[in-house]
Amino acid sequence: MELGGGQSSDERQHDVGNGAFRPLACGAGSARYFIPREIHLLSMITVCRRMQAFRSPIKCGSTWPFLVNLLVGLFAQLPLAAVAFEHTSGPETELARELYLDHCEACHGVDLEGQADWRNVGANGLYPAPPHDETGHTWHHDDAMLTNYITRGGQAVLDDMGVAFTSGMPGFSSVLSDQEIKSILNYIKPTWPKHIYEIQSQRSNAVALE
């Protein structure tokens, strides 16, 4: 889904793409953890200082304290699972994953990573498929918009909005039911960091009340 549109101030503030958070992927197709950039910087500074200490002469009996400090610095870089959502396990999640792999993975990637150079027009005159993870802009749009986009296809929706944009996103109304589309979205959204998940949820709830 190559959804367009500008970012609000909240989006600019929370966009992981600005480098405020650094992702660590743990296992093929598994949950991703997002670590505040400051934690990485501080831990790397600690490690560098420990390494510099080894360059100076080490007196007898002082090796172990240096090694312990070095290990502490290294362990400080381990991911913090509390700052990100994970996919839950169960039949519904497995079904949603199968739907995503069958209908979305070919363009948007098995890990929601999208196609390369997705911000620039390709040789065919179309933008490559964007990522559905936090680095893309799927989370900038409410559930109703996303459902409409998947159901009818990008071009139909953008034409109705008066947006001059050529979309390569096909419609899936003849392939996926409303419930299946909802399942796919519910498979994508829990991979986002918590603050992004909450922003998108609040936007969806607000639109639903209009």
N, C-alpha and C. Protein backbone atom coordinates (compact mmCIF):
# COMPACT_ATOMS: atom_id res chain seq x y z
N MET A 1 0.84 -1.19 0.00
CA MET A 1 0.00 0.00 0.00
C MET A 1 0.88 1.24 0.00
N GLU A 2 0.93 1.95 -1.12
CA GLU A 2 1.79 3.11 -1.22
C GLU A 2 1.03 4.36 -0.85
N LEU A 3 0.48 4.35 0.37
CA LEU A 3 -0.34 5.46 0.81
C LEU A 3 0.50 6.71 0.96
N GLY A 4 -0.05 7.85 0.54
CA GLY A 4 0.69 9.11 0.61
C GLY A 4 0.19 9.97 1.74
N GLY A 5 0.54 11.26 1.67
CA GLY A 5 0.06 12.20 2.67
C GLY A 5 1.17 12.68 3.56
N GLY A 6 1.01 13.87 4.12
CA GLY A 6 2.03 14.46 4.99
C GLY A 6 1.91 13.95 6.39
N GLN A 7 2.92 14.27 7.20
CA GLN A 7 2.95 13.85 8.58
C GLN A 7 2.46 14.98 9.47
N SER A 8 1.75 14.60 10.53
CA SER A 8 1.37 15.57 11.54
C SER A 8 2.56 15.80 12.45
N SER A 9 2.43 16.78 13.35
CA SER A 9 3.53 17.04 14.27
C SER A 9 3.79 15.83 15.16
N ASP A 10 2.71 15.13 15.58
CA ASP A 10 2.88 13.94 16.40
C ASP A 10 3.65 12.88 15.64
N GLU A 11 3.33 12.73 14.35
CA GLU A 11 4.00 11.71 13.55
C GLU A 11 5.47 12.03 13.39
N ARG A 12 5.77 13.31 13.14
CA ARG A 12 7.17 13.69 13.00
C ARG A 12 7.92 13.44 14.30
N GLN A 13 7.22 13.67 15.42
CA GLN A 13 7.86 13.51 16.71
C GLN A 13 8.11 12.04 17.03
N HIS A 14 7.19 11.18 16.59
CA HIS A 14 7.27 9.78 16.98
C HIS A 14 7.82 8.88 15.90
N ASP A 15 8.05 9.39 14.71
CA ASP A 15 8.48 8.55 13.59
C ASP A 15 9.81 7.89 13.90
N VAL A 16 9.81 6.57 13.90
CA VAL A 16 11.03 5.84 14.17
C VAL A 16 12.07 6.08 13.11
N GLY A 17 11.60 6.46 11.92
CA GLY A 17 12.52 6.70 10.82
C GLY A 17 13.49 7.83 11.10
N ASN A 18 13.19 8.69 12.09
CA ASN A 18 14.10 9.79 12.36
C ASN A 18 15.31 9.36 13.20
N GLY A 19 15.36 8.09 13.55
CA GLY A 19 16.52 7.58 14.26
C GLY A 19 16.38 7.59 15.76
N ALA A 20 15.21 8.00 16.29
CA ALA A 20 15.04 8.03 17.73
C ALA A 20 15.06 6.63 18.32
N PHE A 21 14.67 5.65 17.51
CA PHE A 21 14.70 4.27 17.96
C PHE A 21 15.49 3.44 16.97
N ARG A 22 16.20 2.47 17.45
CA ARG A 22 16.98 1.59 16.59
C ARG A 22 16.41 0.18 16.69
N PRO A 23 15.99 -0.43 15.55
CA PRO A 23 15.37 -1.75 15.61
C PRO A 23 16.40 -2.87 15.69
N LEU A 24 16.03 -3.92 16.39
CA LEU A 24 16.80 -5.14 16.38
C LEU A 24 15.84 -6.26 16.05
N ALA A 25 16.06 -6.97 14.94
CA ALA A 25 15.22 -8.09 14.55
C ALA A 25 15.77 -9.34 15.20
N CYS A 26 14.92 -10.08 15.90
CA CYS A 26 15.36 -11.26 16.63
C CYS A 26 14.73 -12.50 16.00
N GLY A 27 15.41 -13.14 15.08
CA GLY A 27 14.91 -14.36 14.46
C GLY A 27 14.14 -14.06 13.20
N ALA A 28 14.08 -15.04 12.33
CA ALA A 28 13.40 -14.86 11.05
C ALA A 28 11.91 -14.72 11.25
N GLY A 29 11.38 -13.59 10.81
CA GLY A 29 9.95 -13.37 10.88
C GLY A 29 9.42 -13.22 12.29
N SER A 30 10.29 -13.03 13.26
CA SER A 30 9.85 -12.95 14.64
C SER A 30 9.66 -11.51 15.06
N ALA A 31 9.40 -11.32 16.35
CA ALA A 31 9.14 -9.98 16.86
C ALA A 31 10.37 -9.11 16.73
N ARG A 32 10.15 -7.81 16.64
CA ARG A 32 11.26 -6.86 16.58
C ARG A 32 11.22 -6.02 17.84
N TYR A 33 12.39 -5.70 18.35
CA TYR A 33 12.48 -4.87 19.52
C TYR A 33 13.07 -3.53 19.12
N PHE A 34 12.64 -2.47 19.77
CA PHE A 34 13.09 -1.14 19.39
C PHE A 34 13.70 -0.46 20.61
N ILE A 35 14.96 -0.16 20.49
CA ILE A 35 15.73 0.35 21.61
C ILE A 35 15.98 1.84 21.41
N PRO A 36 15.69 2.66 22.42
CA PRO A 36 16.00 4.09 22.31
C PRO A 36 17.45 4.30 21.91
N ARG A 37 17.67 5.21 20.96
CA ARG A 37 19.01 5.46 20.43
C ARG A 37 19.99 5.82 21.54
N GLU A 38 19.50 6.56 22.56
CA GLU A 38 20.40 7.00 23.61
C GLU A 38 21.01 5.81 24.36
N ILE A 39 20.23 4.72 24.52
CA ILE A 39 20.74 3.55 25.22
C ILE A 39 21.90 2.95 24.44
N HIS A 40 21.74 2.87 23.10
CA HIS A 40 22.81 2.34 22.27
C HIS A 40 24.06 3.21 22.37
N LEU A 41 23.89 4.53 22.33
CA LEU A 41 25.04 5.42 22.37
C LEU A 41 25.78 5.30 23.70
N LEU A 42 25.03 5.28 24.79
CA LEU A 42 25.65 5.19 26.10
C LEU A 42 26.38 3.87 26.28
N SER A 43 25.75 2.78 25.83
CA SER A 43 26.39 1.48 26.00
C SER A 43 27.64 1.37 25.14
N MET A 44 27.61 1.94 23.93
CA MET A 44 28.78 1.89 23.08
C MET A 44 29.92 2.72 23.66
N ILE A 45 29.59 3.88 24.26
CA ILE A 45 30.62 4.69 24.91
C ILE A 45 31.26 3.90 26.04
N THR A 46 30.42 3.19 26.80
CA THR A 46 30.94 2.37 27.90
C THR A 46 31.90 1.31 27.38
N VAL A 47 31.51 0.62 26.31
CA VAL A 47 32.36 -0.43 25.75
C VAL A 47 33.68 0.15 25.25
N CYS A 48 33.60 1.29 24.56
CA CYS A 48 34.83 1.92 24.05
C CYS A 48 35.79 2.27 25.17
N ARG A 49 35.23 2.77 26.26
CA ARG A 49 36.09 3.13 27.39
C ARG A 49 36.75 1.89 27.97
N ARG A 50 35.98 0.77 28.03
CA ARG A 50 36.57 -0.46 28.55
C ARG A 50 37.70 -0.94 27.63
N MET A 51 37.46 -0.84 26.32
CA MET A 51 38.47 -1.28 25.37
C MET A 51 39.72 -0.41 25.46
N GLN A 52 39.52 0.90 25.65
CA GLN A 52 40.67 1.79 25.78
C GLN A 52 41.50 1.45 27.01
N ALA A 53 40.81 0.96 28.02
CA ALA A 53 41.51 0.62 29.25
C ALA A 53 42.50 -0.50 29.02
N PHE A 54 42.19 -1.40 28.08
CA PHE A 54 43.09 -2.52 27.82
C PHE A 54 44.37 -2.07 27.11
N ARG A 55 44.35 -0.89 26.50
CA ARG A 55 45.53 -0.43 25.80
C ARG A 55 46.63 0.04 26.75
N SER A 56 46.22 0.41 27.96
CA SER A 56 47.21 0.84 28.93
C SER A 56 47.76 -0.39 29.66
N PRO A 57 48.94 -0.28 30.25
CA PRO A 57 49.52 -1.42 30.97
C PRO A 57 48.60 -1.89 32.08
N ILE A 58 48.39 -3.19 32.17
CA ILE A 58 47.52 -3.76 33.20
C ILE A 58 48.39 -4.42 34.26
N LYS A 59 48.24 -3.97 35.45
CA LYS A 59 49.04 -4.53 36.53
C LYS A 59 48.51 -5.90 36.93
N CYS A 60 49.37 -6.67 37.54
CA CYS A 60 49.00 -8.01 37.97
C CYS A 60 47.80 -7.94 38.91
N GLY A 61 46.82 -8.79 38.67
CA GLY A 61 45.64 -8.85 39.52
C GLY A 61 44.53 -7.92 39.10
N SER A 62 44.76 -7.05 38.07
CA SER A 62 43.73 -6.07 37.68
C SER A 62 42.94 -6.51 36.45
N THR A 63 43.27 -7.67 35.85
CA THR A 63 42.62 -8.10 34.62
C THR A 63 41.14 -8.37 34.82
N TRP A 64 40.79 -9.09 35.87
CA TRP A 64 39.39 -9.47 36.06
C TRP A 64 38.45 -8.29 36.20
N PRO A 65 38.79 -7.25 36.98
CA PRO A 65 37.89 -6.09 37.05
C PRO A 65 37.63 -5.47 35.69
N PHE A 66 38.68 -5.40 34.85
CA PHE A 66 38.49 -4.84 33.50
C PHE A 66 37.57 -5.72 32.68
N LEU A 67 37.76 -7.02 32.77
CA LEU A 67 36.91 -7.94 32.01
C LEU A 67 35.46 -7.84 32.45
N VAL A 68 35.24 -7.75 33.76
CA VAL A 68 33.87 -7.63 34.28
C VAL A 68 33.22 -6.36 33.77
N ASN A 69 33.94 -5.26 33.81
CA ASN A 69 33.39 -3.99 33.34
C ASN A 69 33.09 -4.03 31.84
N LEU A 70 33.96 -4.69 31.09
CA LEU A 70 33.73 -4.82 29.65
C LEU A 70 32.46 -5.60 29.38
N LEU A 71 32.26 -6.71 30.10
CA LEU A 71 31.06 -7.53 29.90
C LEU A 71 29.81 -6.76 30.29
N VAL A 72 29.89 -5.97 31.34
CA VAL A 72 28.73 -5.15 31.73
C VAL A 72 28.36 -4.20 30.61
N GLY A 73 29.36 -3.58 29.99
CA GLY A 73 29.09 -2.68 28.87
C GLY A 73 28.46 -3.38 27.70
N LEU A 74 28.92 -4.60 27.42
CA LEU A 74 28.36 -5.36 26.30
C LEU A 74 26.93 -5.77 26.58
N PHE A 75 26.65 -6.26 27.80
CA PHE A 75 25.29 -6.68 28.13
C PHE A 75 24.32 -5.51 28.15
N ALA A 76 24.82 -4.30 28.29
CA ALA A 76 23.94 -3.13 28.29
C ALA A 76 23.27 -2.93 26.94
N GLN A 77 23.81 -3.61 25.90
CA GLN A 77 23.24 -3.44 24.57
C GLN A 77 22.15 -4.44 24.25
N LEU A 78 21.86 -5.35 25.18
CA LEU A 78 20.82 -6.34 24.91
C LEU A 78 19.47 -5.64 24.74
N PRO A 79 18.57 -6.17 23.87
CA PRO A 79 17.28 -5.53 23.60
C PRO A 79 16.37 -5.50 24.81
N LEU A 80 15.56 -4.44 24.89
CA LEU A 80 14.57 -4.29 25.94
C LEU A 80 13.20 -4.65 25.37
N ALA A 81 12.68 -5.81 25.71
CA ALA A 81 11.45 -6.29 25.10
C ALA A 81 10.24 -5.46 25.50
N ALA A 82 10.33 -4.69 26.56
CA ALA A 82 9.16 -3.97 27.06
C ALA A 82 8.73 -2.82 26.18
N VAL A 83 9.56 -2.38 25.25
CA VAL A 83 9.22 -1.19 24.48
C VAL A 83 8.58 -1.51 23.14
N ALA A 84 8.27 -2.76 22.88
CA ALA A 84 7.65 -3.09 21.61
C ALA A 84 6.61 -4.17 21.77
N PHE A 85 5.63 -4.18 20.86
CA PHE A 85 4.65 -5.25 20.82
C PHE A 85 5.24 -6.46 20.13
N GLU A 86 4.70 -7.62 20.44
CA GLU A 86 5.08 -8.83 19.75
C GLU A 86 3.83 -9.46 19.17
N HIS A 87 4.01 -10.29 18.14
CA HIS A 87 2.90 -11.08 17.67
C HIS A 87 2.55 -12.12 18.72
N THR A 88 1.29 -12.24 19.04
CA THR A 88 0.87 -13.30 19.92
C THR A 88 0.74 -14.58 19.12
N SER A 89 0.81 -15.71 19.78
CA SER A 89 0.67 -16.99 19.09
C SER A 89 -0.78 -17.46 19.19
N GLY A 90 -1.13 -18.35 18.31
CA GLY A 90 -2.49 -18.89 18.32
C GLY A 90 -3.03 -19.06 16.92
N PRO A 91 -4.16 -19.77 16.80
CA PRO A 91 -4.75 -20.04 15.48
C PRO A 91 -5.06 -18.78 14.68
N GLU A 92 -5.59 -17.74 15.34
CA GLU A 92 -5.94 -16.52 14.61
C GLU A 92 -4.70 -15.83 14.04
N THR A 93 -3.63 -15.81 14.81
CA THR A 93 -2.39 -15.20 14.33
C THR A 93 -1.81 -15.99 13.17
N GLU A 94 -1.85 -17.30 13.27
CA GLU A 94 -1.32 -18.14 12.18
C GLU A 94 -2.13 -17.95 10.91
N LEU A 95 -3.46 -17.86 11.05
CA LEU A 95 -4.31 -17.64 9.88
C LEU A 95 -4.01 -16.28 9.26
N ALA A 96 -3.86 -15.26 10.10
CA ALA A 96 -3.55 -13.92 9.60
C ALA A 96 -2.20 -13.91 8.89
N ARG A 97 -1.24 -14.62 9.44
CA ARG A 97 0.08 -14.69 8.81
C ARG A 97 -0.03 -15.37 7.44
N GLU A 98 -0.80 -16.43 7.34
CA GLU A 98 -0.98 -17.12 6.06
C GLU A 98 -1.63 -16.18 5.04
N LEU A 99 -2.61 -15.41 5.48
CA LEU A 99 -3.27 -14.46 4.57
C LEU A 99 -2.27 -13.41 4.09
N TYR A 100 -1.46 -12.91 5.02
CA TYR A 100 -0.46 -11.90 4.63
C TYR A 100 0.54 -12.50 3.65
N LEU A 101 1.03 -13.68 3.91
CA LEU A 101 2.02 -14.30 3.04
C LEU A 101 1.44 -14.61 1.66
N ASP A 102 0.18 -14.99 1.63
CA ASP A 102 -0.46 -15.34 0.36
C ASP A 102 -0.74 -14.11 -0.51
N HIS A 103 -1.10 -12.99 0.11
CA HIS A 103 -1.60 -11.86 -0.67
C HIS A 103 -0.75 -10.59 -0.59
N CYS A 104 0.16 -10.50 0.37
CA CYS A 104 0.90 -9.24 0.58
C CYS A 104 2.42 -9.40 0.52
N GLU A 105 2.91 -10.54 0.92
CA GLU A 105 4.34 -10.74 1.08
C GLU A 105 5.14 -10.52 -0.21
N ALA A 106 4.57 -10.89 -1.35
CA ALA A 106 5.30 -10.78 -2.62
C ALA A 106 5.76 -9.35 -2.89
N CYS A 107 4.96 -8.38 -2.49
CA CYS A 107 5.32 -6.97 -2.72
C CYS A 107 5.88 -6.29 -1.46
N HIS A 108 5.26 -6.56 -0.32
CA HIS A 108 5.60 -5.83 0.89
C HIS A 108 6.61 -6.55 1.78
N GLY A 109 7.02 -7.75 1.40
CA GLY A 109 8.09 -8.44 2.13
C GLY A 109 7.60 -9.32 3.25
N VAL A 110 8.32 -10.39 3.48
CA VAL A 110 7.93 -11.35 4.51
C VAL A 110 7.98 -10.73 5.90
N ASP A 111 8.88 -9.76 6.09
CA ASP A 111 9.00 -9.09 7.38
C ASP A 111 8.45 -7.66 7.33
N LEU A 112 7.54 -7.41 6.40
CA LEU A 112 6.88 -6.10 6.26
C LEU A 112 7.86 -5.02 5.80
N GLU A 113 9.00 -5.41 5.26
CA GLU A 113 10.05 -4.44 4.97
C GLU A 113 9.85 -3.67 3.67
N GLY A 114 8.90 -4.07 2.83
CA GLY A 114 8.65 -3.37 1.58
C GLY A 114 9.73 -3.63 0.55
N GLN A 115 9.63 -2.93 -0.58
CA GLN A 115 10.61 -3.09 -1.65
C GLN A 115 11.69 -2.02 -1.54
N ALA A 116 12.83 -2.31 -2.14
CA ALA A 116 13.96 -1.39 -2.07
C ALA A 116 13.64 -0.05 -2.75
N ASP A 117 14.19 1.00 -2.17
CA ASP A 117 14.07 2.34 -2.76
C ASP A 117 12.61 2.73 -2.98
N TRP A 118 11.78 2.43 -2.01
CA TRP A 118 10.33 2.61 -2.17
C TRP A 118 9.91 4.08 -2.19
N ARG A 119 10.77 4.98 -1.82
CA ARG A 119 10.42 6.41 -1.82
C ARG A 119 10.59 7.06 -3.20
N ASN A 120 11.17 6.33 -4.14
CA ASN A 120 11.44 6.89 -5.46
C ASN A 120 10.71 6.11 -6.55
N VAL A 121 10.28 6.84 -7.59
CA VAL A 121 9.55 6.22 -8.70
C VAL A 121 10.46 5.23 -9.42
N GLY A 122 9.90 4.04 -9.73
CA GLY A 122 10.65 3.02 -10.43
C GLY A 122 10.63 3.23 -11.93
N ALA A 123 11.30 2.34 -12.64
CA ALA A 123 11.39 2.43 -14.10
C ALA A 123 10.03 2.29 -14.76
N ASN A 124 9.09 1.63 -14.08
CA ASN A 124 7.74 1.44 -14.63
C ASN A 124 6.82 2.62 -14.35
N GLY A 125 7.35 3.67 -13.73
CA GLY A 125 6.55 4.85 -13.43
C GLY A 125 5.76 4.76 -12.14
N LEU A 126 5.94 3.66 -11.41
CA LEU A 126 5.22 3.46 -10.15
C LEU A 126 6.20 3.46 -8.98
N TYR A 127 5.69 3.85 -7.82
CA TYR A 127 6.49 3.73 -6.62
C TYR A 127 6.52 2.27 -6.18
N PRO A 128 7.67 1.76 -5.76
CA PRO A 128 7.72 0.40 -5.22
C PRO A 128 6.85 0.28 -3.97
N ALA A 129 6.49 -0.94 -3.65
CA ALA A 129 5.64 -1.18 -2.48
C ALA A 129 6.37 -0.74 -1.21
N PRO A 130 5.73 0.06 -0.38
CA PRO A 130 6.38 0.56 0.85
C PRO A 130 6.34 -0.49 1.96
N PRO A 131 7.13 -0.29 2.99
CA PRO A 131 7.08 -1.20 4.14
C PRO A 131 5.82 -0.98 4.96
N HIS A 132 5.39 -2.03 5.62
CA HIS A 132 4.26 -1.92 6.54
C HIS A 132 4.74 -1.86 7.99
N ASP A 133 6.04 -1.88 8.20
CA ASP A 133 6.54 -1.76 9.57
C ASP A 133 6.57 -0.28 9.96
N GLU A 134 7.22 0.05 11.05
CA GLU A 134 7.21 1.41 11.58
C GLU A 134 7.96 2.40 10.70
N THR A 135 8.78 1.91 9.78
CA THR A 135 9.55 2.82 8.92
C THR A 135 8.72 3.33 7.75
N GLY A 136 7.59 2.73 7.48
CA GLY A 136 6.71 3.16 6.41
C GLY A 136 5.66 4.14 6.90
N HIS A 137 4.59 4.28 6.14
CA HIS A 137 3.55 5.22 6.54
C HIS A 137 2.17 4.58 6.67
N THR A 138 2.10 3.27 6.70
CA THR A 138 0.81 2.59 6.92
C THR A 138 0.17 3.08 8.21
N TRP A 139 0.98 3.25 9.23
CA TRP A 139 0.46 3.65 10.54
C TRP A 139 -0.02 5.10 10.57
N HIS A 140 0.24 5.87 9.51
CA HIS A 140 -0.25 7.25 9.44
C HIS A 140 -1.74 7.30 9.11
N HIS A 141 -2.34 6.18 8.75
CA HIS A 141 -3.71 6.15 8.25
C HIS A 141 -4.60 5.31 9.16
N ASP A 142 -5.87 5.71 9.23
CA ASP A 142 -6.82 5.01 10.09
C ASP A 142 -7.26 3.70 9.46
N ASP A 143 -7.89 2.86 10.27
CA ASP A 143 -8.30 1.53 9.82
C ASP A 143 -9.28 1.59 8.65
N ALA A 144 -10.20 2.55 8.68
CA ALA A 144 -11.20 2.65 7.61
C ALA A 144 -10.52 2.95 6.27
N MET A 145 -9.55 3.86 6.30
CA MET A 145 -8.81 4.21 5.09
C MET A 145 -8.02 3.00 4.57
N LEU A 146 -7.35 2.30 5.46
CA LEU A 146 -6.56 1.15 5.06
C LEU A 146 -7.45 0.04 4.48
N THR A 147 -8.57 -0.19 5.12
CA THR A 147 -9.50 -1.21 4.64
C THR A 147 -10.03 -0.86 3.25
N ASN A 148 -10.38 0.40 3.06
CA ASN A 148 -10.88 0.86 1.77
C ASN A 148 -9.81 0.72 0.69
N TYR A 149 -8.58 1.04 1.05
CA TYR A 149 -7.45 0.98 0.12
C TYR A 149 -7.20 -0.46 -0.34
N ILE A 150 -7.25 -1.37 0.61
CA ILE A 150 -7.03 -2.79 0.28
C ILE A 150 -8.20 -3.34 -0.52
N THR A 151 -9.39 -2.96 -0.14
CA THR A 151 -10.59 -3.50 -0.78
C THR A 151 -10.72 -3.04 -2.23
N ARG A 152 -10.63 -1.74 -2.44
CA ARG A 152 -10.89 -1.17 -3.77
C ARG A 152 -9.64 -0.98 -4.62
N GLY A 153 -8.49 -0.96 -3.99
CA GLY A 153 -7.25 -0.69 -4.71
C GLY A 153 -6.88 0.78 -4.58
N GLY A 154 -5.59 1.06 -4.66
CA GLY A 154 -5.12 2.41 -4.43
C GLY A 154 -5.64 3.44 -5.40
N GLN A 155 -5.69 3.11 -6.69
CA GLN A 155 -6.07 4.11 -7.68
C GLN A 155 -7.48 4.61 -7.49
N ALA A 156 -8.41 3.70 -7.21
CA ALA A 156 -9.81 4.09 -7.02
C ALA A 156 -9.96 5.04 -5.84
N VAL A 157 -9.27 4.73 -4.76
CA VAL A 157 -9.36 5.57 -3.55
C VAL A 157 -8.73 6.94 -3.80
N LEU A 158 -7.56 6.95 -4.41
CA LEU A 158 -6.87 8.22 -4.66
C LEU A 158 -7.64 9.09 -5.66
N ASP A 159 -8.24 8.46 -6.65
CA ASP A 159 -9.05 9.22 -7.61
C ASP A 159 -10.23 9.89 -6.91
N ASP A 160 -10.88 9.16 -6.01
CA ASP A 160 -12.00 9.72 -5.26
C ASP A 160 -11.55 10.90 -4.39
N MET A 161 -10.33 10.84 -3.93
CA MET A 161 -9.79 11.90 -3.07
C MET A 161 -9.23 13.07 -3.88
N GLY A 162 -9.15 12.89 -5.19
CA GLY A 162 -8.61 13.95 -6.02
C GLY A 162 -7.11 14.06 -5.94
N VAL A 163 -6.44 12.96 -5.58
CA VAL A 163 -4.99 12.95 -5.45
C VAL A 163 -4.37 12.53 -6.78
N ALA A 164 -3.49 13.36 -7.31
CA ALA A 164 -2.83 13.05 -8.58
C ALA A 164 -1.65 12.13 -8.32
N PHE A 165 -1.92 10.86 -8.32
CA PHE A 165 -0.90 9.87 -7.97
C PHE A 165 -1.26 8.56 -8.65
N THR A 166 -0.29 7.92 -9.28
CA THR A 166 -0.54 6.64 -9.93
C THR A 166 -0.17 5.52 -8.98
N SER A 167 -1.16 4.73 -8.63
CA SER A 167 -0.97 3.67 -7.65
C SER A 167 -0.81 2.31 -8.33
N GLY A 168 0.08 1.51 -7.75
CA GLY A 168 0.25 0.14 -8.23
C GLY A 168 -0.42 -0.87 -7.34
N MET A 169 -1.17 -0.37 -6.36
CA MET A 169 -1.83 -1.25 -5.39
C MET A 169 -3.14 -1.78 -5.97
N PRO A 170 -3.27 -3.10 -6.16
CA PRO A 170 -4.52 -3.66 -6.68
C PRO A 170 -5.59 -3.74 -5.60
N GLY A 171 -6.82 -3.93 -6.03
CA GLY A 171 -7.92 -4.14 -5.08
C GLY A 171 -8.09 -5.63 -4.81
N PHE A 172 -8.55 -5.95 -3.61
CA PHE A 172 -8.68 -7.34 -3.20
C PHE A 172 -10.13 -7.71 -2.84
N SER A 173 -11.08 -6.92 -3.30
CA SER A 173 -12.48 -7.17 -2.92
C SER A 173 -12.98 -8.52 -3.38
N SER A 174 -12.46 -9.02 -4.49
CA SER A 174 -12.90 -10.32 -5.01
C SER A 174 -12.10 -11.48 -4.43
N VAL A 175 -11.10 -11.15 -3.60
CA VAL A 175 -10.22 -12.18 -3.06
C VAL A 175 -10.32 -12.31 -1.55
N LEU A 176 -10.42 -11.17 -0.88
CA LEU A 176 -10.43 -11.15 0.58
C LEU A 176 -11.75 -10.61 1.11
N SER A 177 -12.24 -11.24 2.15
CA SER A 177 -13.44 -10.74 2.83
C SER A 177 -13.05 -9.61 3.76
N ASP A 178 -14.04 -8.87 4.27
CA ASP A 178 -13.75 -7.78 5.21
C ASP A 178 -13.04 -8.32 6.45
N GLN A 179 -13.46 -9.49 6.91
CA GLN A 179 -12.84 -10.07 8.10
C GLN A 179 -11.40 -10.47 7.83
N GLU A 180 -11.13 -10.96 6.65
CA GLU A 180 -9.76 -11.34 6.30
C GLU A 180 -8.86 -10.11 6.20
N ILE A 181 -9.39 -9.03 5.65
CA ILE A 181 -8.61 -7.79 5.59
C ILE A 181 -8.33 -7.28 7.00
N LYS A 182 -9.31 -7.36 7.86
CA LYS A 182 -9.13 -6.96 9.25
C LYS A 182 -8.05 -7.83 9.92
N SER A 183 -8.05 -9.11 9.61
CA SER A 183 -7.06 -10.02 10.19
C SER A 183 -5.65 -9.65 9.73
N ILE A 184 -5.51 -9.28 8.47
CA ILE A 184 -4.20 -8.89 7.96
C ILE A 184 -3.71 -7.62 8.66
N LEU A 185 -4.61 -6.64 8.82
CA LEU A 185 -4.22 -5.42 9.52
C LEU A 185 -3.85 -5.72 10.97
N ASN A 186 -4.58 -6.62 11.59
CA ASN A 186 -4.28 -6.98 12.97
C ASN A 186 -3.01 -7.79 13.09
N TYR A 187 -2.55 -8.34 11.97
CA TYR A 187 -1.26 -9.02 11.96
C TYR A 187 -0.11 -8.01 11.85
N ILE A 188 -0.37 -6.94 11.09
CA ILE A 188 0.66 -5.92 10.86
C ILE A 188 0.84 -5.02 12.08
N LYS A 189 -0.25 -4.55 12.64
CA LYS A 189 -0.17 -3.49 13.65
C LYS A 189 0.57 -3.85 14.93
N PRO A 190 0.47 -5.08 15.43
CA PRO A 190 1.21 -5.38 16.67
C PRO A 190 2.73 -5.38 16.51
N THR A 191 3.24 -5.29 15.29
CA THR A 191 4.69 -5.22 15.12
C THR A 191 5.22 -3.81 15.35
N TRP A 192 4.34 -2.82 15.41
CA TRP A 192 4.78 -1.44 15.60
C TRP A 192 5.15 -1.19 17.05
N PRO A 193 6.08 -0.29 17.31
CA PRO A 193 6.37 0.13 18.68
C PRO A 193 5.09 0.67 19.34
N LYS A 194 5.05 0.57 20.64
CA LYS A 194 3.82 0.87 21.38
C LYS A 194 3.29 2.27 21.11
N HIS A 195 4.16 3.27 21.08
CA HIS A 195 3.68 4.64 20.92
C HIS A 195 3.08 4.85 19.54
N ILE A 196 3.64 4.19 18.52
CA ILE A 196 3.09 4.28 17.16
C ILE A 196 1.76 3.55 17.09
N TYR A 197 1.70 2.39 17.69
CA TYR A 197 0.46 1.62 17.74
C TYR A 197 -0.66 2.46 18.35
N GLU A 198 -0.35 3.16 19.42
CA GLU A 198 -1.36 3.97 20.11
C GLU A 198 -1.80 5.16 19.26
N ILE A 199 -0.87 5.80 18.56
CA ILE A 199 -1.22 6.92 17.69
C ILE A 199 -2.20 6.47 16.61
N GLN A 200 -1.90 5.35 15.98
CA GLN A 200 -2.77 4.86 14.91
C GLN A 200 -4.13 4.42 15.47
N SER A 201 -4.15 3.83 16.63
CA SER A 201 -5.40 3.41 17.25
C SER A 201 -6.28 4.61 17.59
N GLN A 202 -5.67 5.66 18.12
CA GLN A 202 -6.42 6.87 18.46
C GLN A 202 -7.01 7.51 17.21
N ARG A 203 -6.25 7.52 16.13
CA ARG A 203 -6.74 8.08 14.87
C ARG A 203 -7.92 7.25 14.35
N SER A 204 -7.79 5.94 14.40
CA SER A 204 -8.86 5.06 13.93
C SER A 204 -10.12 5.24 14.75
N ASN A 205 -9.98 5.34 16.06
CA ASN A 205 -11.14 5.53 16.94
C ASN A 205 -11.82 6.86 16.67
N ALA A 206 -11.03 7.90 16.43
CA ALA A 206 -11.59 9.22 16.15
C ALA A 206 -12.40 9.21 14.86
N VAL A 207 -11.87 8.57 13.83
CA VAL A 207 -12.56 8.50 12.54
C VAL A 207 -13.84 7.68 12.67
N ALA A 208 -13.80 6.63 13.47
CA ALA A 208 -14.97 5.77 13.65
C ALA A 208 -16.12 6.52 14.33
N LEU A 209 -15.80 7.55 15.10
CA LEU A 209 -16.82 8.33 15.80
C LEU A 209 -17.40 9.44 14.96
N GLU A 210 -16.82 9.71 13.81
CA GLU A 210 -17.30 10.81 12.96
C GLU A 210 -18.62 10.46 12.29
